[in-house]
Amino acid sequence: MEQEVEIILKVVTLQDVKQLQKISIETFSDTFKDANDEADLKEYLKSAYNIKQLESELSDSDSNFYFVYYKKELAGYLKLNVSNAQTEKHDINALEIERIYIKPNFKRLGLGKYLLNYAIEKAKELDKTSAWLGVWEENINALNFYKKMNFVCFSEHVFELGGEKQRDILMKLIINK
């Protein structure tokens, strides 16, 4: 008899900030270290994932973080923003998927798709008209994944990684009621 794979989602709270910091640094580094300057990466990690910054984000009622567990092990996380917490104001009635990151040893298990589907369901629950996200133009795997999930390109913006300016492709999915 095949055992059912156990995937659990848990809301991240202020008490989880150190664990959030650890997984944020680990997953961002794993995703981008090979394609970026080490000094720029370190500078970004220090500013984006310091405890004070993460506590501020966790305290914002328009932002929500979720840990995803696979077979009881922390495998990744998701960050969603609505209203004024969105990093850009394209549509106040949209949901921003700011971060979906999976630890290296949990990739290719369907967890990214699971988190994305959860985000889309959350957008529907909240009566949002669309869900959107930004993807680095050189992250071809992510771009292809989101296209496969019916996201379409609608704009772009500059993302600063340390001292380097990079181009992110903004993608969105229209939410059907």
N, C-alpha and C. Protein backbone atom coordinates (compact mmCIF):
# COMPACT_ATOMS: atom_id res chain seq x y z
N MET A 1 0.85 -1.19 0.00
CA MET A 1 0.00 0.00 0.00
C MET A 1 0.89 1.24 0.00
N GLU A 2 0.60 2.15 -0.92
CA GLU A 2 1.40 3.37 -1.05
C GLU A 2 1.03 4.37 0.04
N GLN A 3 2.04 4.93 0.69
CA GLN A 3 1.80 5.91 1.75
C GLN A 3 1.53 7.27 1.11
N GLU A 4 0.51 7.96 1.62
CA GLU A 4 0.18 9.29 1.11
C GLU A 4 1.25 10.28 1.56
N VAL A 5 1.70 11.11 0.61
CA VAL A 5 2.71 12.11 0.91
C VAL A 5 2.08 13.19 1.78
N GLU A 6 2.76 13.55 2.84
CA GLU A 6 2.21 14.52 3.77
C GLU A 6 2.80 15.90 3.52
N ILE A 7 1.93 16.83 3.11
CA ILE A 7 2.32 18.23 2.93
C ILE A 7 1.48 19.05 3.89
N ILE A 8 2.14 19.83 4.71
CA ILE A 8 1.45 20.66 5.70
C ILE A 8 1.89 22.11 5.52
N LEU A 9 0.92 23.01 5.60
CA LEU A 9 1.19 24.44 5.53
C LEU A 9 0.97 25.02 6.92
N LYS A 10 1.87 25.88 7.37
CA LYS A 10 1.76 26.50 8.69
C LYS A 10 1.98 28.00 8.56
N VAL A 11 1.11 28.78 9.17
CA VAL A 11 1.29 30.24 9.18
C VAL A 11 2.53 30.56 10.01
N VAL A 12 3.39 31.42 9.48
CA VAL A 12 4.61 31.84 10.18
C VAL A 12 4.25 33.00 11.10
N THR A 13 4.71 32.94 12.34
CA THR A 13 4.47 34.01 13.31
C THR A 13 5.79 34.66 13.72
N LEU A 14 5.69 35.72 14.50
CA LEU A 14 6.90 36.40 15.00
C LEU A 14 7.82 35.44 15.75
N GLN A 15 7.24 34.45 16.42
CA GLN A 15 8.05 33.48 17.17
C GLN A 15 8.92 32.63 16.24
N ASP A 16 8.57 32.60 14.95
CA ASP A 16 9.30 31.79 13.98
C ASP A 16 10.36 32.59 13.22
N VAL A 17 10.64 33.82 13.64
CA VAL A 17 11.46 34.73 12.83
C VAL A 17 12.86 34.17 12.55
N LYS A 18 13.48 33.53 13.52
CA LYS A 18 14.84 32.99 13.29
C LYS A 18 14.81 31.84 12.28
N GLN A 19 13.79 31.01 12.35
CA GLN A 19 13.64 29.92 11.39
C GLN A 19 13.35 30.49 9.99
N LEU A 20 12.54 31.56 9.95
CA LEU A 20 12.25 32.22 8.67
C LEU A 20 13.53 32.82 8.09
N GLN A 21 14.33 33.45 8.93
CA GLN A 21 15.59 34.04 8.46
C GLN A 21 16.49 32.95 7.88
N LYS A 22 16.60 31.85 8.58
CA LYS A 22 17.49 30.76 8.14
C LYS A 22 17.05 30.20 6.79
N ILE A 23 15.77 29.89 6.64
CA ILE A 23 15.30 29.31 5.38
C ILE A 23 15.32 30.34 4.25
N SER A 24 15.10 31.61 4.58
CA SER A 24 15.14 32.66 3.56
C SER A 24 16.54 32.78 2.97
N ILE A 25 17.52 32.83 3.84
CA ILE A 25 18.91 32.95 3.39
C ILE A 25 19.34 31.70 2.61
N GLU A 26 18.99 30.54 3.16
CA GLU A 26 19.38 29.27 2.51
C GLU A 26 18.78 29.15 1.11
N THR A 27 17.48 29.42 0.98
CA THR A 27 16.82 29.20 -0.31
C THR A 27 17.16 30.28 -1.32
N PHE A 28 17.29 31.53 -0.88
CA PHE A 28 17.66 32.59 -1.82
C PHE A 28 19.08 32.35 -2.33
N SER A 29 19.98 32.01 -1.42
CA SER A 29 21.37 31.73 -1.80
C SER A 29 21.44 30.57 -2.79
N ASP A 30 20.73 29.50 -2.47
CA ASP A 30 20.74 28.33 -3.36
C ASP A 30 20.24 28.68 -4.75
N THR A 31 19.21 29.50 -4.81
CA THR A 31 18.60 29.84 -6.10
C THR A 31 19.48 30.75 -6.94
N PHE A 32 20.18 31.69 -6.29
CA PHE A 32 20.84 32.75 -7.06
C PHE A 32 22.36 32.84 -6.93
N LYS A 33 22.99 32.02 -6.09
CA LYS A 33 24.43 32.18 -5.83
C LYS A 33 25.30 31.96 -7.07
N ASP A 34 24.94 31.01 -7.91
CA ASP A 34 25.78 30.69 -9.06
C ASP A 34 25.73 31.74 -10.17
N ALA A 35 24.71 32.57 -10.16
CA ALA A 35 24.53 33.54 -11.25
C ALA A 35 24.78 34.98 -10.82
N ASN A 36 25.26 35.18 -9.59
CA ASN A 36 25.45 36.53 -9.08
C ASN A 36 26.77 36.69 -8.35
N ASP A 37 27.21 37.93 -8.27
CA ASP A 37 28.42 38.28 -7.55
C ASP A 37 28.24 37.99 -6.05
N GLU A 38 29.23 37.36 -5.45
CA GLU A 38 29.13 36.97 -4.05
C GLU A 38 28.94 38.16 -3.12
N ALA A 39 29.65 39.26 -3.37
CA ALA A 39 29.53 40.45 -2.52
C ALA A 39 28.13 41.07 -2.63
N ASP A 40 27.59 41.13 -3.86
CA ASP A 40 26.23 41.66 -4.05
C ASP A 40 25.21 40.78 -3.34
N LEU A 41 25.39 39.48 -3.44
CA LEU A 41 24.48 38.54 -2.80
C LEU A 41 24.51 38.71 -1.28
N LYS A 42 25.71 38.79 -0.71
CA LYS A 42 25.84 38.97 0.74
C LYS A 42 25.19 40.27 1.20
N GLU A 43 25.39 41.34 0.44
CA GLU A 43 24.80 42.63 0.79
C GLU A 43 23.27 42.54 0.78
N TYR A 44 22.73 41.89 -0.25
CA TYR A 44 21.27 41.74 -0.34
C TYR A 44 20.74 40.91 0.83
N LEU A 45 21.36 39.78 1.11
CA LEU A 45 20.90 38.90 2.19
C LEU A 45 20.90 39.63 3.52
N LYS A 46 21.92 40.44 3.74
CA LYS A 46 22.04 41.20 4.99
C LYS A 46 20.91 42.21 5.14
N SER A 47 20.53 42.87 4.05
CA SER A 47 19.48 43.89 4.15
C SER A 47 18.08 43.29 4.10
N ALA A 48 17.86 42.29 3.27
CA ALA A 48 16.52 41.74 3.09
C ALA A 48 16.10 40.77 4.18
N TYR A 49 17.06 40.06 4.77
CA TYR A 49 16.71 38.99 5.68
C TYR A 49 17.27 39.16 7.09
N ASN A 50 17.52 40.41 7.49
CA ASN A 50 17.92 40.60 8.88
C ASN A 50 16.67 40.49 9.76
N ILE A 51 16.88 40.19 11.03
CA ILE A 51 15.76 39.93 11.95
C ILE A 51 14.80 41.12 12.01
N LYS A 52 15.32 42.32 12.11
CA LYS A 52 14.46 43.51 12.21
C LYS A 52 13.56 43.64 10.97
N GLN A 53 14.13 43.43 9.80
CA GLN A 53 13.36 43.52 8.55
C GLN A 53 12.27 42.45 8.51
N LEU A 54 12.62 41.23 8.86
CA LEU A 54 11.64 40.14 8.83
C LEU A 54 10.55 40.34 9.88
N GLU A 55 10.91 40.85 11.06
CA GLU A 55 9.90 41.14 12.08
C GLU A 55 8.92 42.20 11.58
N SER A 56 9.44 43.19 10.89
CA SER A 56 8.59 44.23 10.32
C SER A 56 7.61 43.64 9.31
N GLU A 57 8.11 42.77 8.44
CA GLU A 57 7.25 42.14 7.44
C GLU A 57 6.22 41.22 8.09
N LEU A 58 6.64 40.47 9.10
CA LEU A 58 5.72 39.57 9.81
C LEU A 58 4.64 40.34 10.58
N SER A 59 4.94 41.56 10.98
CA SER A 59 4.00 42.38 11.75
C SER A 59 2.98 43.09 10.87
N ASP A 60 3.19 43.09 9.58
CA ASP A 60 2.28 43.76 8.64
C ASP A 60 1.06 42.87 8.40
N SER A 61 -0.11 43.35 8.76
CA SER A 61 -1.33 42.54 8.62
C SER A 61 -1.70 42.26 7.16
N ASP A 62 -1.11 42.99 6.22
CA ASP A 62 -1.37 42.76 4.80
C ASP A 62 -0.36 41.82 4.15
N SER A 63 0.54 41.25 4.96
CA SER A 63 1.51 40.26 4.49
C SER A 63 1.33 38.98 5.29
N ASN A 64 1.46 37.86 4.62
CA ASN A 64 1.38 36.57 5.30
C ASN A 64 2.47 35.65 4.78
N PHE A 65 3.14 34.99 5.72
CA PHE A 65 4.16 34.00 5.41
C PHE A 65 3.61 32.62 5.79
N TYR A 66 4.00 31.62 5.02
CA TYR A 66 3.61 30.24 5.30
C TYR A 66 4.82 29.34 5.13
N PHE A 67 5.04 28.45 6.10
CA PHE A 67 6.04 27.40 5.95
C PHE A 67 5.33 26.20 5.31
N VAL A 68 6.03 25.51 4.42
CA VAL A 68 5.52 24.25 3.89
C VAL A 68 6.42 23.14 4.40
N TYR A 69 5.78 22.11 4.96
CA TYR A 69 6.48 20.95 5.48
C TYR A 69 6.18 19.76 4.58
N TYR A 70 7.21 18.99 4.30
CA TYR A 70 7.07 17.77 3.51
C TYR A 70 7.55 16.62 4.38
N LYS A 71 6.66 15.68 4.66
CA LYS A 71 6.97 14.57 5.57
C LYS A 71 7.57 15.09 6.87
N LYS A 72 6.93 16.12 7.41
CA LYS A 72 7.26 16.74 8.71
C LYS A 72 8.56 17.54 8.72
N GLU A 73 9.21 17.70 7.57
CA GLU A 73 10.43 18.50 7.50
C GLU A 73 10.14 19.83 6.81
N LEU A 74 10.70 20.92 7.36
CA LEU A 74 10.52 22.23 6.75
C LEU A 74 11.17 22.21 5.37
N ALA A 75 10.36 22.47 4.33
CA ALA A 75 10.82 22.33 2.96
C ALA A 75 10.88 23.65 2.20
N GLY A 76 10.17 24.66 2.66
CA GLY A 76 10.16 25.92 1.94
C GLY A 76 9.19 26.90 2.56
N TYR A 77 8.97 28.01 1.85
CA TYR A 77 8.03 28.99 2.37
C TYR A 77 7.44 29.84 1.25
N LEU A 78 6.37 30.53 1.63
CA LEU A 78 5.60 31.38 0.73
C LEU A 78 5.33 32.70 1.43
N LYS A 79 5.39 33.81 0.67
CA LYS A 79 5.00 35.11 1.21
C LYS A 79 3.99 35.74 0.27
N LEU A 80 2.84 36.14 0.82
CA LEU A 80 1.78 36.79 0.06
C LEU A 80 1.54 38.19 0.61
N ASN A 81 1.26 39.13 -0.30
CA ASN A 81 0.95 40.51 0.08
C ASN A 81 -0.35 40.96 -0.57
N VAL A 82 -1.11 41.75 0.16
CA VAL A 82 -2.30 42.40 -0.39
C VAL A 82 -2.26 43.88 -0.04
N SER A 83 -3.16 44.62 -0.64
CA SER A 83 -3.34 46.05 -0.35
C SER A 83 -2.01 46.79 -0.40
N ASN A 84 -1.74 47.56 0.65
CA ASN A 84 -0.55 48.42 0.67
C ASN A 84 0.76 47.67 0.91
N ALA A 85 0.69 46.40 1.26
CA ALA A 85 1.92 45.63 1.46
C ALA A 85 2.54 45.18 0.13
N GLN A 86 1.78 45.28 -0.96
CA GLN A 86 2.33 44.89 -2.26
C GLN A 86 3.56 45.74 -2.55
N THR A 87 4.56 45.12 -3.13
CA THR A 87 5.81 45.83 -3.40
C THR A 87 5.66 46.84 -4.53
N GLU A 88 4.63 46.68 -5.35
CA GLU A 88 4.30 47.65 -6.39
C GLU A 88 2.79 47.78 -6.45
N LYS A 89 2.34 48.96 -6.83
CA LYS A 89 0.90 49.24 -6.82
C LYS A 89 0.29 49.16 -8.22
N HIS A 90 0.31 47.98 -8.80
CA HIS A 90 -0.30 47.79 -10.12
C HIS A 90 -1.81 47.71 -10.01
N ASP A 91 -2.27 47.03 -8.97
CA ASP A 91 -3.70 46.79 -8.80
C ASP A 91 -3.95 46.54 -7.32
N ILE A 92 -4.63 47.48 -6.67
CA ILE A 92 -4.87 47.36 -5.23
C ILE A 92 -5.73 46.13 -4.92
N ASN A 93 -6.48 45.65 -5.93
CA ASN A 93 -7.33 44.48 -5.72
C ASN A 93 -6.66 43.18 -6.20
N ALA A 94 -5.35 43.17 -6.17
CA ALA A 94 -4.59 41.97 -6.56
C ALA A 94 -3.91 41.38 -5.33
N LEU A 95 -3.44 40.16 -5.49
CA LEU A 95 -2.62 39.50 -4.47
C LEU A 95 -1.23 39.33 -5.07
N GLU A 96 -0.23 39.78 -4.34
CA GLU A 96 1.16 39.61 -4.79
C GLU A 96 1.75 38.35 -4.16
N ILE A 97 2.34 37.52 -4.99
CA ILE A 97 3.09 36.36 -4.53
C ILE A 97 4.55 36.82 -4.52
N GLU A 98 5.00 37.32 -3.37
CA GLU A 98 6.34 37.92 -3.33
C GLU A 98 7.45 36.88 -3.29
N ARG A 99 7.21 35.79 -2.58
CA ARG A 99 8.27 34.77 -2.45
C ARG A 99 7.68 33.37 -2.44
N ILE A 100 8.24 32.52 -3.27
CA ILE A 100 8.04 31.07 -3.18
C ILE A 100 9.43 30.48 -3.28
N TYR A 101 9.88 29.89 -2.19
CA TYR A 101 11.22 29.29 -2.18
C TYR A 101 11.15 27.90 -1.57
N ILE A 102 11.84 26.97 -2.21
CA ILE A 102 11.90 25.58 -1.76
C ILE A 102 13.36 25.21 -1.53
N LYS A 103 13.63 24.53 -0.41
CA LYS A 103 14.99 24.07 -0.11
C LYS A 103 15.46 23.10 -1.20
N PRO A 104 16.77 23.10 -1.47
CA PRO A 104 17.31 22.30 -2.58
C PRO A 104 16.89 20.83 -2.58
N ASN A 105 16.93 20.18 -1.44
CA ASN A 105 16.62 18.74 -1.40
C ASN A 105 15.13 18.43 -1.48
N PHE A 106 14.28 19.47 -1.59
CA PHE A 106 12.84 19.27 -1.71
C PHE A 106 12.29 19.75 -3.06
N LYS A 107 13.20 20.16 -3.95
CA LYS A 107 12.76 20.62 -5.27
C LYS A 107 12.32 19.42 -6.11
N ARG A 108 11.46 19.70 -7.07
CA ARG A 108 10.94 18.70 -8.01
C ARG A 108 10.01 17.68 -7.34
N LEU A 109 9.39 18.10 -6.23
CA LEU A 109 8.42 17.23 -5.55
C LEU A 109 7.00 17.80 -5.64
N GLY A 110 6.84 18.88 -6.41
CA GLY A 110 5.52 19.49 -6.56
C GLY A 110 5.17 20.52 -5.50
N LEU A 111 6.13 20.87 -4.65
CA LEU A 111 5.84 21.81 -3.57
C LEU A 111 5.64 23.24 -4.08
N GLY A 112 6.40 23.64 -5.10
CA GLY A 112 6.21 24.97 -5.68
C GLY A 112 4.82 25.11 -6.27
N LYS A 113 4.39 24.08 -6.97
CA LYS A 113 3.03 24.08 -7.55
C LYS A 113 1.98 24.10 -6.45
N TYR A 114 2.22 23.34 -5.40
CA TYR A 114 1.31 23.31 -4.25
C TYR A 114 1.17 24.72 -3.65
N LEU A 115 2.30 25.40 -3.44
CA LEU A 115 2.26 26.75 -2.86
C LEU A 115 1.60 27.74 -3.81
N LEU A 116 1.89 27.63 -5.09
CA LEU A 116 1.28 28.53 -6.06
C LEU A 116 -0.24 28.33 -6.10
N ASN A 117 -0.68 27.08 -6.11
CA ASN A 117 -2.12 26.81 -6.08
C ASN A 117 -2.76 27.32 -4.80
N TYR A 118 -2.05 27.20 -3.69
CA TYR A 118 -2.56 27.74 -2.43
C TYR A 118 -2.74 29.26 -2.55
N ALA A 119 -1.75 29.93 -3.12
CA ALA A 119 -1.81 31.39 -3.29
C ALA A 119 -3.00 31.78 -4.17
N ILE A 120 -3.23 31.03 -5.23
CA ILE A 120 -4.36 31.33 -6.12
C ILE A 120 -5.68 31.13 -5.39
N GLU A 121 -5.78 30.08 -4.60
CA GLU A 121 -7.00 29.85 -3.81
C GLU A 121 -7.21 30.97 -2.79
N LYS A 122 -6.11 31.43 -2.20
CA LYS A 122 -6.18 32.54 -1.24
C LYS A 122 -6.69 33.80 -1.94
N ALA A 123 -6.21 34.05 -3.15
CA ALA A 123 -6.66 35.21 -3.93
C ALA A 123 -8.17 35.12 -4.18
N LYS A 124 -8.65 33.94 -4.50
CA LYS A 124 -10.09 33.75 -4.72
C LYS A 124 -10.87 34.00 -3.43
N GLU A 125 -10.39 33.44 -2.32
CA GLU A 125 -11.03 33.64 -1.01
C GLU A 125 -11.15 35.11 -0.66
N LEU A 126 -10.10 35.86 -0.99
CA LEU A 126 -10.05 37.29 -0.66
C LEU A 126 -10.71 38.16 -1.73
N ASP A 127 -11.33 37.53 -2.72
CA ASP A 127 -12.03 38.24 -3.79
C ASP A 127 -11.10 39.13 -4.61
N LYS A 128 -9.89 38.66 -4.85
CA LYS A 128 -8.92 39.42 -5.65
C LYS A 128 -9.17 39.17 -7.14
N THR A 129 -8.85 40.16 -7.96
CA THR A 129 -9.07 40.04 -9.40
C THR A 129 -7.89 39.37 -10.11
N SER A 130 -6.72 39.41 -9.47
CA SER A 130 -5.54 38.79 -10.08
C SER A 130 -4.51 38.46 -9.01
N ALA A 131 -3.57 37.61 -9.40
CA ALA A 131 -2.38 37.31 -8.59
C ALA A 131 -1.19 37.66 -9.46
N TRP A 132 -0.16 38.27 -8.87
CA TRP A 132 1.00 38.65 -9.67
C TRP A 132 2.29 38.38 -8.91
N LEU A 133 3.39 38.37 -9.65
CA LEU A 133 4.70 38.12 -9.06
C LEU A 133 5.78 38.65 -9.99
N GLY A 134 6.98 38.76 -9.47
CA GLY A 134 8.14 39.17 -10.26
C GLY A 134 9.14 38.04 -10.34
N VAL A 135 9.73 37.85 -11.53
CA VAL A 135 10.70 36.78 -11.75
C VAL A 135 11.91 37.36 -12.46
N TRP A 136 13.10 37.08 -11.94
CA TRP A 136 14.33 37.53 -12.59
C TRP A 136 14.36 37.00 -14.02
N GLU A 137 14.67 37.86 -14.96
CA GLU A 137 14.65 37.48 -16.38
C GLU A 137 15.58 36.30 -16.70
N GLU A 138 16.59 36.07 -15.88
CA GLU A 138 17.52 34.96 -16.13
C GLU A 138 17.13 33.67 -15.40
N ASN A 139 16.04 33.72 -14.64
CA ASN A 139 15.56 32.52 -13.95
C ASN A 139 14.57 31.79 -14.87
N ILE A 140 15.14 31.16 -15.89
CA ILE A 140 14.35 30.55 -16.96
C ILE A 140 13.42 29.45 -16.42
N ASN A 141 13.90 28.65 -15.48
CA ASN A 141 13.05 27.59 -14.92
C ASN A 141 11.80 28.17 -14.29
N ALA A 142 11.95 29.25 -13.51
CA ALA A 142 10.79 29.87 -12.87
C ALA A 142 9.87 30.50 -13.90
N LEU A 143 10.44 31.20 -14.88
CA LEU A 143 9.61 31.81 -15.94
C LEU A 143 8.77 30.74 -16.65
N ASN A 144 9.39 29.64 -17.00
CA ASN A 144 8.67 28.55 -17.67
C ASN A 144 7.60 27.94 -16.77
N PHE A 145 7.92 27.78 -15.49
CA PHE A 145 6.96 27.23 -14.53
C PHE A 145 5.72 28.11 -14.45
N TYR A 146 5.91 29.42 -14.31
CA TYR A 146 4.76 30.32 -14.18
C TYR A 146 3.96 30.40 -15.47
N LYS A 147 4.64 30.35 -16.61
CA LYS A 147 3.92 30.33 -17.89
C LYS A 147 3.06 29.06 -17.99
N LYS A 148 3.63 27.94 -17.56
CA LYS A 148 2.89 26.68 -17.57
C LYS A 148 1.66 26.75 -16.65
N MET A 149 1.75 27.58 -15.63
CA MET A 149 0.65 27.75 -14.68
C MET A 149 -0.29 28.90 -15.11
N ASN A 150 -0.16 29.32 -16.37
CA ASN A 150 -1.04 30.31 -17.00
C ASN A 150 -0.81 31.76 -16.58
N PHE A 151 0.34 32.06 -16.01
CA PHE A 151 0.70 33.45 -15.74
C PHE A 151 1.21 34.06 -17.05
N VAL A 152 0.90 35.34 -17.25
CA VAL A 152 1.35 36.05 -18.46
C VAL A 152 2.16 37.28 -18.05
N CYS A 153 3.11 37.65 -18.89
CA CYS A 153 3.94 38.84 -18.64
C CYS A 153 3.08 40.08 -18.84
N PHE A 154 3.24 41.07 -17.93
CA PHE A 154 2.50 42.31 -18.10
C PHE A 154 3.35 43.55 -17.90
N SER A 155 4.53 43.40 -17.33
CA SER A 155 5.39 44.57 -17.13
C SER A 155 6.77 44.07 -16.69
N GLU A 156 7.60 45.00 -16.25
CA GLU A 156 8.91 44.64 -15.71
C GLU A 156 9.30 45.71 -14.70
N HIS A 157 10.28 45.39 -13.87
CA HIS A 157 10.83 46.37 -12.94
C HIS A 157 12.30 46.04 -12.65
N VAL A 158 12.95 46.98 -12.01
CA VAL A 158 14.35 46.80 -11.63
C VAL A 158 14.39 46.23 -10.22
N PHE A 159 15.18 45.18 -10.05
CA PHE A 159 15.42 44.56 -8.76
C PHE A 159 16.88 44.78 -8.43
N GLU A 160 17.15 45.35 -7.27
CA GLU A 160 18.54 45.61 -6.89
C GLU A 160 19.05 44.51 -5.98
N LEU A 161 20.08 43.83 -6.45
CA LEU A 161 20.75 42.80 -5.68
C LEU A 161 22.11 43.36 -5.31
N GLY A 162 22.21 43.84 -4.08
CA GLY A 162 23.43 44.54 -3.68
C GLY A 162 23.59 45.77 -4.55
N GLY A 163 24.70 45.87 -5.24
CA GLY A 163 24.94 47.02 -6.10
C GLY A 163 24.53 46.79 -7.55
N GLU A 164 24.01 45.60 -7.84
CA GLU A 164 23.66 45.27 -9.23
C GLU A 164 22.16 45.47 -9.48
N LYS A 165 21.85 46.11 -10.60
CA LYS A 165 20.46 46.28 -11.01
C LYS A 165 20.11 45.16 -11.99
N GLN A 166 19.04 44.44 -11.68
CA GLN A 166 18.60 43.34 -12.53
C GLN A 166 17.16 43.60 -12.99
N ARG A 167 16.78 42.95 -14.08
CA ARG A 167 15.42 43.13 -14.60
C ARG A 167 14.56 41.94 -14.19
N ASP A 168 13.44 42.26 -13.56
CA ASP A 168 12.44 41.25 -13.23
C ASP A 168 11.29 41.37 -14.21
N ILE A 169 10.79 40.24 -14.65
CA ILE A 169 9.59 40.18 -15.47
C ILE A 169 8.41 40.05 -14.51
N LEU A 170 7.42 40.93 -14.65
CA LEU A 170 6.22 40.85 -13.82
C LEU A 170 5.18 40.03 -14.58
N MET A 171 4.61 39.06 -13.86
CA MET A 171 3.65 38.14 -14.46
C MET A 171 2.39 38.12 -13.62
N LYS A 172 1.26 37.92 -14.28
CA LYS A 172 0.02 37.85 -13.51
C LYS A 172 -0.93 36.80 -14.06
N LEU A 173 -1.83 36.42 -13.19
CA LEU A 173 -2.89 35.48 -13.52
C LEU A 173 -4.21 36.15 -13.17
N ILE A 174 -5.11 36.23 -14.13
CA ILE A 174 -6.44 36.77 -13.86
C ILE A 174 -7.21 35.70 -13.08
N ILE A 175 -7.83 36.11 -11.99
CA ILE A 175 -8.57 35.18 -11.14
C ILE A 175 -10.00 35.08 -11.64
N ASN A 176 -10.40 33.88 -11.99
CA ASN A 176 -11.78 33.63 -12.41
C ASN A 176 -12.61 33.23 -11.21
N LYS A 177 -13.69 33.89 -11.04
CA LYS A 177 -14.56 33.61 -9.88
C LYS A 177 -15.25 32.26 -10.01
